[in-house]
Amino acid sequence: FLDDKNGMKGKRKLLLQLLTTSVIVGYARNYHSVEIFGHTIDLGHLFF
C-alpha cells in the first residue's frame, strides 16, 4: 500500500518483505520437505 501510494525504495521494500516472510516461514519450522508430483524432496536446512 505504501509503495503504491508514495513509492518505496527497493532495498527498504525487500528488507520488509524478508523480515515479514521470515515470521511466516518461521512458523513452518516443522516442515523440511516438499512434495512435487507425488515425489517427496527432503530439503533439510535449505527449507527456510
All heavy atoms as atom14 arrays in JSON, in Angstrom:
{
  "sequence": "FLDDKNGMKGKRKLLLQLLTTSVIVGYARNYHSVEIFGHTIDLGHLFF",
  "atom14_mask": [
    [1, 1, 1, 1, 1, 1, 1, 1, 1, 1, 1, 0, 0, 0],
    [1, 1, 1, 1, 1, 1, 1, 1, 0, 0, 0, 0, 0, 0],
    [1, 1, 1, 1, 1, 1, 1, 1, 0, 0, 0, 0, 0, 0],
    [1, 1, 1, 1, 1, 1, 1, 1, 0, 0, 0, 0, 0, 0],
    [1, 1, 1, 1, 1, 1, 1, 1, 1, 0, 0, 0, 0, 0],
    [1, 1, 1, 1, 1, 1, 1, 1, 0, 0, 0, 0, 0, 0],
    [1, 1, 1, 1, 0, 0, 0, 0, 0, 0, 0, 0, 0, 0],
    [1, 1, 1, 1, 1, 1, 1, 1, 0, 0, 0, 0, 0, 0],
    [1, 1, 1, 1, 1, 1, 1, 1, 1, 0, 0, 0, 0, 0],
    [1, 1, 1, 1, 0, 0, 0, 0, 0, 0, 0, 0, 0, 0],
    [1, 1, 1, 1, 1, 1, 1, 1, 1, 0, 0, 0, 0, 0],
    [1, 1, 1, 1, 1, 1, 1, 1, 1, 1, 1, 0, 0, 0],
    [1, 1, 1, 1, 1, 1, 1, 1, 1, 0, 0, 0, 0, 0],
    [1, 1, 1, 1, 1, 1, 1, 1, 0, 0, 0, 0, 0, 0],
    [1, 1, 1, 1, 1, 1, 1, 1, 0, 0, 0, 0, 0, 0],
    [1, 1, 1, 1, 1, 1, 1, 1, 0, 0, 0, 0, 0, 0],
    [1, 1, 1, 1, 1, 1, 1, 1, 1, 0, 0, 0, 0, 0],
    [1, 1, 1, 1, 1, 1, 1, 1, 0, 0, 0, 0, 0, 0],
    [1, 1, 1, 1, 1, 1, 1, 1, 0, 0, 0, 0, 0, 0],
    [1, 1, 1, 1, 1, 1, 1, 0, 0, 0, 0, 0, 0, 0],
    [1, 1, 1, 1, 1, 1, 1, 0, 0, 0, 0, 0, 0, 0],
    [1, 1, 1, 1, 1, 1, 0, 0, 0, 0, 0, 0, 0, 0],
    [1, 1, 1, 1, 1, 1, 1, 0, 0, 0, 0, 0, 0, 0],
    [1, 1, 1, 1, 1, 1, 1, 1, 0, 0, 0, 0, 0, 0],
    [1, 1, 1, 1, 1, 1, 1, 0, 0, 0, 0, 0, 0, 0],
    [1, 1, 1, 1, 0, 0, 0, 0, 0, 0, 0, 0, 0, 0],
    [1, 1, 1, 1, 1, 1, 1, 1, 1, 1, 1, 1, 0, 0],
    [1, 1, 1, 1, 1, 0, 0, 0, 0, 0, 0, 0, 0, 0],
    [1, 1, 1, 1, 1, 1, 1, 1, 1, 1, 1, 0, 0, 0],
    [1, 1, 1, 1, 1, 1, 1, 1, 0, 0, 0, 0, 0, 0],
    [1, 1, 1, 1, 1, 1, 1, 1, 1, 1, 1, 1, 0, 0],
    [1, 1, 1, 1, 1, 1, 1, 1, 1, 1, 0, 0, 0, 0],
    [1, 1, 1, 1, 1, 1, 0, 0, 0, 0, 0, 0, 0, 0],
    [1, 1, 1, 1, 1, 1, 1, 0, 0, 0, 0, 0, 0, 0],
    [1, 1, 1, 1, 1, 1, 1, 1, 1, 0, 0, 0, 0, 0],
    [1, 1, 1, 1, 1, 1, 1, 1, 0, 0, 0, 0, 0, 0],
    [1, 1, 1, 1, 1, 1, 1, 1, 1, 1, 1, 0, 0, 0],
    [1, 1, 1, 1, 0, 0, 0, 0, 0, 0, 0, 0, 0, 0],
    [1, 1, 1, 1, 1, 1, 1, 1, 1, 1, 0, 0, 0, 0],
    [1, 1, 1, 1, 1, 1, 1, 0, 0, 0, 0, 0, 0, 0],
    [1, 1, 1, 1, 1, 1, 1, 1, 0, 0, 0, 0, 0, 0],
    [1, 1, 1, 1, 1, 1, 1, 1, 0, 0, 0, 0, 0, 0],
    [1, 1, 1, 1, 1, 1, 1, 1, 0, 0, 0, 0, 0, 0],
    [1, 1, 1, 1, 0, 0, 0, 0, 0, 0, 0, 0, 0, 0],
    [1, 1, 1, 1, 1, 1, 1, 1, 1, 1, 0, 0, 0, 0],
    [1, 1, 1, 1, 1, 1, 1, 1, 0, 0, 0, 0, 0, 0],
    [1, 1, 1, 1, 1, 1, 1, 1, 1, 1, 1, 0, 0, 0],
    [1, 1, 1, 1, 1, 1, 1, 1, 1, 1, 1, 0, 0, 0]
  ],
  "atom14_positions": [
    [[0.83, -1.21, 0.0], [0.0, 0.0, 0.0], [0.86, 1.26, 0.0], [0.65, 2.19, -0.78], [-0.94, 0.0, 1.21], [-1.73, 1.26, 1.36], [-2.85, 1.47, 0.57], [-1.36, 2.23, 2.27], [-3.59, 2.65, 0.69], [-2.08, 3.41, 2.4], [-3.21, 3.61, 1.61], [0.0, 0.0, 0.0], [0.0, 0.0, 0.0], [0.0, 0.0, 0.0]],
    [[1.86, 1.28, 0.89], [2.74, 2.46, 0.96], [3.56, 2.62, -0.32], [3.8, 3.74, -0.77], [3.67, 2.35, 2.18], [2.96, 2.45, 3.53], [3.93, 2.17, 4.66], [2.29, 3.81, 3.7], [0.0, 0.0, 0.0], [0.0, 0.0, 0.0], [0.0, 0.0, 0.0], [0.0, 0.0, 0.0], [0.0, 0.0, 0.0], [0.0, 0.0, 0.0]],
    [[3.94, 1.5, -0.92], [4.66, 1.57, -2.2], [3.75, 2.13, -3.28], [4.17, 2.96, -4.08], [5.17, 0.18, -2.58], [6.02, 0.2, -3.84], [6.81, 1.16, -4.01], [5.89, -0.73, -4.65], [0.0, 0.0, 0.0], [0.0, 0.0, 0.0], [0.0, 0.0, 0.0], [0.0, 0.0, 0.0], [0.0, 0.0, 0.0], [0.0, 0.0, 0.0]],
    [[2.49, 1.67, -3.32], [1.53, 2.2, -4.3], [1.29, 3.69, -4.09], [1.2, 4.47, -5.03], [0.19, 1.47, -4.21], [0.21, 0.1, -4.84], [1.18, -0.2, -5.57], [-0.73, -0.67, -4.6], [0.0, 0.0, 0.0], [0.0, 0.0, 0.0], [0.0, 0.0, 0.0], [0.0, 0.0, 0.0], [0.0, 0.0, 0.0], [0.0, 0.0, 0.0]],
    [[1.17, 4.09, -2.83], [0.8, 5.47, -2.5], [1.97, 6.43, -2.68], [1.83, 7.47, -3.32], [0.3, 5.53, -1.06], [-0.26, 6.87, -0.66], [-0.89, 6.78, 0.71], [-1.59, 8.05, 1.07], [-0.79, 9.04, 1.7], [0.0, 0.0, 0.0], [0.0, 0.0, 0.0], [0.0, 0.0, 0.0], [0.0, 0.0, 0.0], [0.0, 0.0, 0.0]],
    [[3.12, 6.1, -2.14], [4.24, 7.04, -2.1], [5.46, 6.59, -2.89], [6.38, 7.36, -3.08], [4.69, 7.27, -0.65], [3.58, 7.72, 0.25], [2.73, 8.49, -0.16], [3.55, 7.23, 1.47], [0.0, 0.0, 0.0], [0.0, 0.0, 0.0], [0.0, 0.0, 0.0], [0.0, 0.0, 0.0], [0.0, 0.0, 0.0], [0.0, 0.0, 0.0]],
    [[5.49, 5.34, -3.26], [6.71, 4.79, -3.84], [7.65, 4.42, -2.7], [7.64, 5.08, -1.66], [0.0, 0.0, 0.0], [0.0, 0.0, 0.0], [0.0, 0.0, 0.0], [0.0, 0.0, 0.0], [0.0, 0.0, 0.0], [0.0, 0.0, 0.0], [0.0, 0.0, 0.0], [0.0, 0.0, 0.0], [0.0, 0.0, 0.0], [0.0, 0.0, 0.0]],
    [[8.39, 3.38, -2.86], [9.29, 2.94, -1.8], [10.57, 2.44, -2.45], [10.52, 1.78, -3.49], [8.62, 1.82, -0.99], [9.36, 1.43, 0.25], [8.51, 0.13, 1.19], [7.21, 1.07, 1.96], [0.0, 0.0, 0.0], [0.0, 0.0, 0.0], [0.0, 0.0, 0.0], [0.0, 0.0, 0.0], [0.0, 0.0, 0.0], [0.0, 0.0, 0.0]],
    [[11.69, 2.75, -1.85], [12.97, 2.28, -2.39], [13.02, 0.75, -2.33], [12.54, 0.14, -1.39], [14.13, 2.88, -1.6], [14.22, 4.38, -1.8], [15.51, 4.91, -1.24], [15.5, 6.41, -1.44], [16.64, 6.94, -2.05], [0.0, 0.0, 0.0], [0.0, 0.0, 0.0], [0.0, 0.0, 0.0], [0.0, 0.0, 0.0], [0.0, 0.0, 0.0]],
    [[13.62, 0.17, -3.35], [13.67, -1.28, -3.48], [14.3, -1.98, -2.3], [13.82, -3.02, -1.85], [0.0, 0.0, 0.0], [0.0, 0.0, 0.0], [0.0, 0.0, 0.0], [0.0, 0.0, 0.0], [0.0, 0.0, 0.0], [0.0, 0.0, 0.0], [0.0, 0.0, 0.0], [0.0, 0.0, 0.0], [0.0, 0.0, 0.0], [0.0, 0.0, 0.0]],
    [[15.41, -1.44, -1.77], [16.1, -2.09, -0.65], [15.21, -2.12, 0.6], [15.16, -3.13, 1.3], [17.41, -1.37, -0.34], [18.48, -1.61, -1.38], [19.76, -0.88, -1.03], [20.78, -1.06, -2.13], [22.01, -0.32, -1.87], [0.0, 0.0, 0.0], [0.0, 0.0, 0.0], [0.0, 0.0, 0.0], [0.0, 0.0, 0.0], [0.0, 0.0, 0.0]],
    [[14.51, -1.04, 0.87], [13.64, -0.98, 2.05], [12.48, -1.97, 1.89], [12.13, -2.69, 2.82], [13.1, 0.43, 2.25], [12.11, 0.51, 3.41], [11.7, 1.9, 3.73], [12.82, 2.52, 4.43], [13.06, 3.82, 4.46], [12.28, 4.65, 3.83], [14.08, 4.3, 5.12], [0.0, 0.0, 0.0], [0.0, 0.0, 0.0], [0.0, 0.0, 0.0]],
    [[11.91, -2.0, 0.69], [10.8, -2.91, 0.43], [11.27, -4.36, 0.56], [10.6, -5.18, 1.2], [10.24, -2.64, -0.97], [8.93, -3.29, -1.24], [8.2, -2.74, -2.45], [9.05, -2.58, -3.67], [8.27, -2.32, -4.88], [0.0, 0.0, 0.0], [0.0, 0.0, 0.0], [0.0, 0.0, 0.0], [0.0, 0.0, 0.0], [0.0, 0.0, 0.0]],
    [[12.42, -4.68, 0.01], [12.96, -6.04, 0.1], [13.24, -6.42, 1.55], [12.94, -7.55, 1.97], [14.23, -6.17, -0.74], [14.88, -7.54, -0.77], [13.93, -8.58, -1.36], [16.18, -7.5, -1.56], [0.0, 0.0, 0.0], [0.0, 0.0, 0.0], [0.0, 0.0, 0.0], [0.0, 0.0, 0.0], [0.0, 0.0, 0.0], [0.0, 0.0, 0.0]],
    [[13.78, -5.51, 2.33], [14.06, -5.79, 3.74], [12.77, -6.09, 4.49], [12.69, -7.07, 5.25], [14.8, -4.62, 4.39], [15.12, -4.78, 5.87], [16.08, -5.95, 6.09], [15.7, -3.5, 6.43], [0.0, 0.0, 0.0], [0.0, 0.0, 0.0], [0.0, 0.0, 0.0], [0.0, 0.0, 0.0], [0.0, 0.0, 0.0], [0.0, 0.0, 0.0]],
    [[11.74, -5.27, 4.3], [10.45, -5.52, 4.95], [9.86, -6.87, 4.52], [9.31, -7.61, 5.33], [9.46, -4.39, 4.65], [9.68, -3.11, 5.43], [8.85, -1.97, 4.85], [9.34, -3.32, 6.89], [0.0, 0.0, 0.0], [0.0, 0.0, 0.0], [0.0, 0.0, 0.0], [0.0, 0.0, 0.0], [0.0, 0.0, 0.0], [0.0, 0.0, 0.0]],
    [[9.98, -7.17, 3.23], [9.46, -8.45, 2.72], [10.21, -9.62, 3.36], [9.6, -10.61, 3.76], [9.58, -8.51, 1.2], [8.64, -7.58, 0.49], [8.95, -7.45, -0.99], [10.0, -7.88, -1.47], [8.03, -6.83, -1.73], [0.0, 0.0, 0.0], [0.0, 0.0, 0.0], [0.0, 0.0, 0.0], [0.0, 0.0, 0.0], [0.0, 0.0, 0.0]],
    [[11.52, -9.52, 3.45], [12.32, -10.6, 4.05], [12.0, -10.79, 5.53], [11.86, -11.93, 6.01], [13.81, -10.35, 3.86], [14.34, -10.6, 2.45], [15.76, -10.07, 2.31], [14.29, -12.08, 2.11], [0.0, 0.0, 0.0], [0.0, 0.0, 0.0], [0.0, 0.0, 0.0], [0.0, 0.0, 0.0], [0.0, 0.0, 0.0], [0.0, 0.0, 0.0]],
    [[11.86, -9.69, 6.25], [11.56, -9.78, 7.69], [10.18, -10.4, 7.93], [10.03, -11.28, 8.78], [11.64, -8.4, 8.34], [13.04, -7.82, 8.5], [12.97, -6.38, 8.98], [13.88, -8.66, 9.44], [0.0, 0.0, 0.0], [0.0, 0.0, 0.0], [0.0, 0.0, 0.0], [0.0, 0.0, 0.0], [0.0, 0.0, 0.0], [0.0, 0.0, 0.0]],
    [[9.2, -9.96, 7.18], [7.84, -10.46, 7.42], [7.66, -11.89, 6.92], [7.0, -12.69, 7.57], [6.78, -9.53, 6.8], [7.09, -9.32, 5.43], [6.73, -8.21, 7.51], [0.0, 0.0, 0.0], [0.0, 0.0, 0.0], [0.0, 0.0, 0.0], [0.0, 0.0, 0.0], [0.0, 0.0, 0.0], [0.0, 0.0, 0.0], [0.0, 0.0, 0.0]],
    [[8.26, -12.23, 5.79], [8.14, -13.62, 5.33], [8.94, -14.55, 6.24], [8.6, -15.72, 6.36], [8.59, -13.79, 3.87], [9.9, -13.27, 3.7], [7.62, -13.12, 2.91], [0.0, 0.0, 0.0], [0.0, 0.0, 0.0], [0.0, 0.0, 0.0], [0.0, 0.0, 0.0], [0.0, 0.0, 0.0], [0.0, 0.0, 0.0], [0.0, 0.0, 0.0]],
    [[9.96, -14.03, 6.92], [10.71, -14.85, 7.9], [9.79, -15.3, 9.03], [9.9, -16.42, 9.52], [11.88, -14.07, 8.47], [12.84, -13.84, 7.49], [0.0, 0.0, 0.0], [0.0, 0.0, 0.0], [0.0, 0.0, 0.0], [0.0, 0.0, 0.0], [0.0, 0.0, 0.0], [0.0, 0.0, 0.0], [0.0, 0.0, 0.0], [0.0, 0.0, 0.0]],
    [[8.89, -14.42, 9.45], [7.93, -14.79, 10.5], [7.03, -15.91, 10.0], [6.81, -16.91, 10.69], [7.07, -13.57, 10.93], [5.93, -13.98, 11.84], [7.95, -12.52, 11.59], [0.0, 0.0, 0.0], [0.0, 0.0, 0.0], [0.0, 0.0, 0.0], [0.0, 0.0, 0.0], [0.0, 0.0, 0.0], [0.0, 0.0, 0.0], [0.0, 0.0, 0.0]],
    [[6.53, -15.75, 8.78], [5.63, -16.76, 8.21], [6.35, -18.09, 8.05], [5.85, -19.14, 8.47], [5.05, -16.26, 6.87], [4.16, -15.02, 7.11], [4.27, -17.36, 6.17], [3.77, -14.27, 5.86], [0.0, 0.0, 0.0], [0.0, 0.0, 0.0], [0.0, 0.0, 0.0], [0.0, 0.0, 0.0], [0.0, 0.0, 0.0], [0.0, 0.0, 0.0]],
    [[7.52, -18.08, 7.46], [8.27, -19.32, 7.23], [8.76, -19.89, 8.57], [8.82, -21.11, 8.74], [9.45, -19.09, 6.26], [10.31, -20.34, 6.13], [8.94, -18.66, 4.9], [0.0, 0.0, 0.0], [0.0, 0.0, 0.0], [0.0, 0.0, 0.0], [0.0, 0.0, 0.0], [0.0, 0.0, 0.0], [0.0, 0.0, 0.0], [0.0, 0.0, 0.0]],
    [[9.06, -19.02, 9.53], [9.5, -19.49, 10.84], [8.47, -20.38, 11.52], [8.82, -21.3, 12.25], [0.0, 0.0, 0.0], [0.0, 0.0, 0.0], [0.0, 0.0, 0.0], [0.0, 0.0, 0.0], [0.0, 0.0, 0.0], [0.0, 0.0, 0.0], [0.0, 0.0, 0.0], [0.0, 0.0, 0.0], [0.0, 0.0, 0.0], [0.0, 0.0, 0.0]],
    [[7.19, -20.13, 11.27], [6.15, -20.97, 11.85], [5.96, -22.27, 11.09], [5.2, -23.13, 11.5], [4.83, -20.21, 11.97], [4.82, -19.44, 13.25], [5.11, -18.09, 13.28], [4.56, -20.08, 14.46], [5.13, -17.39, 14.47], [4.59, -19.39, 15.65], [4.87, -18.05, 15.64], [4.9, -17.37, 16.83], [0.0, 0.0, 0.0], [0.0, 0.0, 0.0]],
    [[6.67, -22.42, 9.99], [6.63, -23.68, 9.24], [7.88, -24.5, 9.56], [8.28, -25.35, 8.79], [6.55, -23.38, 7.75], [0.0, 0.0, 0.0], [0.0, 0.0, 0.0], [0.0, 0.0, 0.0], [0.0, 0.0, 0.0], [0.0, 0.0, 0.0], [0.0, 0.0, 0.0], [0.0, 0.0, 0.0], [0.0, 0.0, 0.0], [0.0, 0.0, 0.0]],
    [[8.49, -24.25, 10.7], [9.78, -24.87, 11.02], [9.72, -26.39, 11.13], [10.75, -27.05, 11.1], [10.37, -24.25, 12.28], [9.56, -24.48, 13.52], [10.21, -23.8, 14.72], [9.32, -23.8, 15.85], [8.55, -22.79, 16.19], [8.56, -21.7, 15.49], [7.77, -22.87, 17.24], [0.0, 0.0, 0.0], [0.0, 0.0, 0.0], [0.0, 0.0, 0.0]],
    [[8.56, -26.95, 11.26], [8.45, -28.41, 11.32], [8.49, -29.04, 9.94], [8.5, -30.26, 9.83], [7.16, -28.82, 12.04], [7.18, -28.41, 13.49], [8.24, -28.25, 14.08], [6.02, -28.2, 14.07], [0.0, 0.0, 0.0], [0.0, 0.0, 0.0], [0.0, 0.0, 0.0], [0.0, 0.0, 0.0], [0.0, 0.0, 0.0], [0.0, 0.0, 0.0]],
    [[8.48, -28.24, 8.92], [8.5, -28.77, 7.56], [9.93, -28.75, 7.03], [10.65, -27.77, 7.19], [7.61, -27.94, 6.64], [6.17, -27.96, 7.07], [5.61, -26.9, 7.78], [5.37, -29.05, 6.78], [4.3, -26.93, 8.18], [4.04, -29.1, 7.18], [3.52, -28.04, 7.88], [2.21, -28.07, 8.29], [0.0, 0.0, 0.0], [0.0, 0.0, 0.0]],
    [[10.31, -29.83, 6.4], [11.65, -29.91, 5.84], [11.64, -30.53, 4.45], [12.69, -30.78, 3.88], [12.59, -30.71, 6.76], [12.76, -30.08, 8.1], [13.54, -28.96, 8.29], [12.23, -30.37, 9.3], [13.49, -28.6, 9.56], [12.7, -29.44, 10.19], [0.0, 0.0, 0.0], [0.0, 0.0, 0.0], [0.0, 0.0, 0.0], [0.0, 0.0, 0.0]],
    [[10.43, -30.79, 3.95], [10.36, -31.43, 2.64], [9.18, -30.85, 1.86], [8.28, -30.24, 2.43], [10.2, -32.94, 2.78], [9.0, -33.25, 3.45], [0.0, 0.0, 0.0], [0.0, 0.0, 0.0], [0.0, 0.0, 0.0], [0.0, 0.0, 0.0], [0.0, 0.0, 0.0], [0.0, 0.0, 0.0], [0.0, 0.0, 0.0], [0.0, 0.0, 0.0]],
    [[9.21, -31.04, 0.57], [8.11, -30.66, -0.31], [7.75, -31.87, -1.16], [8.59, -32.74, -1.41], [8.46, -29.45, -1.22], [8.67, -28.2, -0.4], [9.68, -29.73, -2.07], [0.0, 0.0, 0.0], [0.0, 0.0, 0.0], [0.0, 0.0, 0.0], [0.0, 0.0, 0.0], [0.0, 0.0, 0.0], [0.0, 0.0, 0.0], [0.0, 0.0, 0.0]],
    [[6.5, -31.91, -1.56], [6.06, -32.99, -2.43], [5.68, -32.4, -3.78], [4.87, -31.48, -3.87], [4.87, -33.72, -1.82], [4.49, -34.96, -2.6], [3.42, -35.78, -1.92], [3.46, -35.9, -0.69], [2.56, -36.29, -2.64], [0.0, 0.0, 0.0], [0.0, 0.0, 0.0], [0.0, 0.0, 0.0], [0.0, 0.0, 0.0], [0.0, 0.0, 0.0]],
    [[6.31, -32.91, -4.82], [6.05, -32.45, -6.18], [5.72, -33.66, -7.03], [6.54, -34.58, -7.17], [7.28, -31.7, -6.75], [7.61, -30.5, -5.87], [7.03, -31.28, -8.19], [8.89, -29.78, -6.24], [0.0, 0.0, 0.0], [0.0, 0.0, 0.0], [0.0, 0.0, 0.0], [0.0, 0.0, 0.0], [0.0, 0.0, 0.0], [0.0, 0.0, 0.0]],
    [[4.52, -33.66, -7.59], [4.04, -34.74, -8.45], [4.23, -36.11, -7.8], [4.67, -37.07, -8.43], [4.73, -34.71, -9.81], [4.54, -33.41, -10.55], [5.63, -32.61, -10.84], [3.28, -33.0, -10.93], [5.46, -31.41, -11.51], [3.1, -31.8, -11.6], [4.19, -31.01, -11.89], [0.0, 0.0, 0.0], [0.0, 0.0, 0.0], [0.0, 0.0, 0.0]],
    [[3.91, -36.19, -6.5], [3.99, -37.46, -5.8], [5.36, -37.85, -5.29], [5.53, -38.88, -4.67], [0.0, 0.0, 0.0], [0.0, 0.0, 0.0], [0.0, 0.0, 0.0], [0.0, 0.0, 0.0], [0.0, 0.0, 0.0], [0.0, 0.0, 0.0], [0.0, 0.0, 0.0], [0.0, 0.0, 0.0], [0.0, 0.0, 0.0], [0.0, 0.0, 0.0]],
    [[6.37, -37.04, -5.56], [7.73, -37.32, -5.1], [8.08, -36.36, -3.96], [7.93, -35.16, -4.09], [8.75, -37.15, -6.24], [8.5, -38.06, -7.39], [8.81, -39.4, -7.35], [7.96, -37.83, -8.61], [8.47, -39.95, -8.5], [7.96, -39.02, -9.28], [0.0, 0.0, 0.0], [0.0, 0.0, 0.0], [0.0, 0.0, 0.0], [0.0, 0.0, 0.0]],
    [[8.56, -36.92, -2.87], [8.94, -36.1, -1.73], [10.42, -35.74, -1.85], [11.26, -36.62, -2.07], [8.69, -36.85, -0.41], [7.3, -37.17, -0.35], [9.07, -36.0, 0.78], [0.0, 0.0, 0.0], [0.0, 0.0, 0.0], [0.0, 0.0, 0.0], [0.0, 0.0, 0.0], [0.0, 0.0, 0.0], [0.0, 0.0, 0.0], [0.0, 0.0, 0.0]],
    [[10.7, -34.46, -1.71], [12.08, -33.97, -1.76], [12.42, -33.42, -0.39], [11.8, -32.46, 0.07], [12.24, -32.88, -2.84], [11.85, -33.43, -4.21], [13.68, -32.35, -2.85], [11.73, -32.36, -5.28], [0.0, 0.0, 0.0], [0.0, 0.0, 0.0], [0.0, 0.0, 0.0], [0.0, 0.0, 0.0], [0.0, 0.0, 0.0], [0.0, 0.0, 0.0]],
    [[13.4, -34.02, 0.26], [13.82, -33.56, 1.58], [14.78, -32.38, 1.4], [15.81, -32.5, 0.76], [14.52, -34.7, 2.34], [14.87, -34.29, 3.76], [14.21, -33.37, 4.3], [15.8, -34.88, 4.33], [0.0, 0.0, 0.0], [0.0, 0.0, 0.0], [0.0, 0.0, 0.0], [0.0, 0.0, 0.0], [0.0, 0.0, 0.0], [0.0, 0.0, 0.0]],
    [[14.4, -31.24, 1.96], [15.21, -30.02, 1.82], [16.11, -29.79, 3.03], [17.04, -28.99, 2.96], [14.31, -28.81, 1.61], [13.45, -28.85, 0.35], [12.49, -27.68, 0.34], [14.32, -28.84, -0.88], [0.0, 0.0, 0.0], [0.0, 0.0, 0.0], [0.0, 0.0, 0.0], [0.0, 0.0, 0.0], [0.0, 0.0, 0.0], [0.0, 0.0, 0.0]],
    [[15.79, -30.44, 4.13], [16.6, -30.27, 5.34], [16.69, -28.81, 5.76], [15.7, -28.11, 5.83], [0.0, 0.0, 0.0], [0.0, 0.0, 0.0], [0.0, 0.0, 0.0], [0.0, 0.0, 0.0], [0.0, 0.0, 0.0], [0.0, 0.0, 0.0], [0.0, 0.0, 0.0], [0.0, 0.0, 0.0], [0.0, 0.0, 0.0], [0.0, 0.0, 0.0]],
    [[17.9, -28.36, 6.0], [18.12, -26.98, 6.46], [17.94, -25.96, 5.34], [17.9, -24.76, 5.6], [19.52, -26.84, 7.07], [19.68, -27.63, 8.32], [18.95, -27.39, 9.46], [20.47, -28.7, 8.61], [19.29, -28.25, 10.39], [20.21, -29.06, 9.9], [0.0, 0.0, 0.0], [0.0, 0.0, 0.0], [0.0, 0.0, 0.0], [0.0, 0.0, 0.0]],
    [[17.83, -26.4, 4.1], [17.6, -25.47, 2.98], [16.16, -25.02, 2.9], [15.84, -24.11, 2.14], [18.02, -26.12, 1.66], [19.51, -26.34, 1.46], [19.76, -27.05, 0.14], [20.25, -25.01, 1.49], [0.0, 0.0, 0.0], [0.0, 0.0, 0.0], [0.0, 0.0, 0.0], [0.0, 0.0, 0.0], [0.0, 0.0, 0.0], [0.0, 0.0, 0.0]],
    [[15.26, -25.66, 3.68], [13.85, -25.3, 3.6], [13.64, -23.81, 3.86], [12.95, -23.13, 3.1], [13.0, -26.12, 4.58], [11.57, -25.68, 4.61], [10.69, -26.12, 3.63], [11.1, -24.81, 5.58], [9.37, -25.7, 3.62], [9.79, -24.38, 5.58], [8.91, -24.83, 4.6], [0.0, 0.0, 0.0], [0.0, 0.0, 0.0], [0.0, 0.0, 0.0]],
    [[14.21, -23.3, 4.95], [13.97, -21.9, 5.34], [14.43, -20.92, 4.25], [13.62, -20.1, 3.79], [14.65, -21.6, 6.68], [14.26, -20.27, 7.25], [13.11, -20.12, 8.01], [15.05, -19.15, 7.03], [12.74, -18.9, 8.53], [14.69, -17.92, 7.55], [13.53, -17.79, 8.31], [0.0, 0.0, 0.0], [0.0, 0.0, 0.0], [0.0, 0.0, 0.0]]
  ]
}
